[in-house]
Amino acid sequence: QMFDGSHLAGTVTAILGPSGAGKSSLLDLISGRTIAKHQGTVTLNGKPRDKSFKTYIGYVTQDER
């Protein structure tokens, strides 16, 4: 499956779906938490993800305390 989307600054995006739909996998790829093999490019403001990317992304897993 392919995810293609862009999001405007100042907006909130919800990712919904049943268990096993790949929500966490998508967030892991976007945030850089995973090094899973994938095709495509994650960009921020039109630029490919680099080391500074994590300063713009916040992601806390549900079970993190």
Protein backbone atom coordinates (compact mmCIF):
# COMPACT_ATOMS: atom_id res chain seq x y z
CA GLN A 1 0.00 0.00 0.00
CA MET A 2 1.11 3.54 -0.64
CA PHE A 3 0.63 6.62 1.51
CA ASP A 4 0.76 9.94 -0.27
CA GLY A 5 -0.06 13.02 1.69
CA SER A 6 0.96 16.48 2.63
CA HIS A 7 -0.01 18.47 5.68
CA LEU A 8 -0.15 22.22 6.17
CA ALA A 9 1.50 23.97 9.09
CA GLY A 10 -0.91 24.67 11.93
CA THR A 11 -3.17 21.73 11.14
CA VAL A 12 -3.84 18.53 13.07
CA THR A 13 -3.93 15.17 11.33
CA ALA A 14 -5.54 12.05 12.79
CA ILE A 15 -4.48 8.57 11.69
CA LEU A 16 -7.32 6.12 12.26
CA GLY A 17 -7.76 2.47 11.45
CA PRO A 18 -8.36 -0.97 12.89
CA SER A 19 -5.73 -2.98 14.71
CA GLY A 20 -3.08 -4.21 12.29
CA ALA A 21 -3.78 -1.57 9.63
CA GLY A 22 -0.24 -0.17 9.84
CA LYS A 23 -0.78 3.06 11.80
CA SER A 24 2.23 2.53 14.05
CA SER A 25 4.38 1.40 11.12
CA LEU A 26 3.51 4.60 9.26
CA LEU A 27 4.36 6.75 12.29
CA ASP A 28 7.61 4.82 12.80
CA LEU A 29 8.64 5.53 9.19
CA ILE A 30 7.67 9.20 9.32
CA SER A 31 9.44 9.79 12.63
CA GLY A 32 12.57 7.87 11.68
CA ARG A 33 12.20 5.34 14.49
CA THR A 34 12.44 2.43 12.08
CA ILE A 35 14.95 1.49 9.42
CA ALA A 36 12.54 -0.91 7.73
CA LYS A 37 12.89 -1.32 4.01
CA HIS A 38 10.50 0.99 2.21
CA GLN A 39 10.14 2.81 -1.06
CA GLY A 40 9.55 6.50 -1.36
CA THR A 41 10.75 9.66 0.29
CA VAL A 42 9.79 11.43 3.49
CA THR A 43 10.29 15.18 3.16
CA LEU A 44 9.86 18.24 5.34
CA ASN A 45 9.16 21.49 3.53
CA GLY A 46 10.16 19.77 0.28
CA LYS A 47 13.57 18.69 1.55
CA PRO A 48 14.54 15.04 2.21
CA ARG A 49 14.69 13.89 5.83
CA ASP A 50 18.05 14.53 7.53
CA LYS A 51 19.43 14.70 11.07
CA SER A 52 17.50 17.89 11.86
CA PHE A 53 14.18 16.19 10.99
CA LYS A 54 13.66 14.94 14.54
CA THR A 55 13.58 18.50 15.87
CA TYR A 56 10.29 18.95 14.00
CA ILE A 57 8.68 15.60 14.83
CA GLY A 58 7.13 14.56 18.16
CA TYR A 59 6.02 10.97 18.64
CA VAL A 60 5.34 9.23 21.95
CA THR A 61 4.15 5.62 21.89
CA GLN A 62 1.06 4.69 23.86
CA ASP A 63 2.92 2.46 26.33
CA GLU A 64 5.82 4.88 26.97
CA ARG A 65 5.78 6.15 30.55
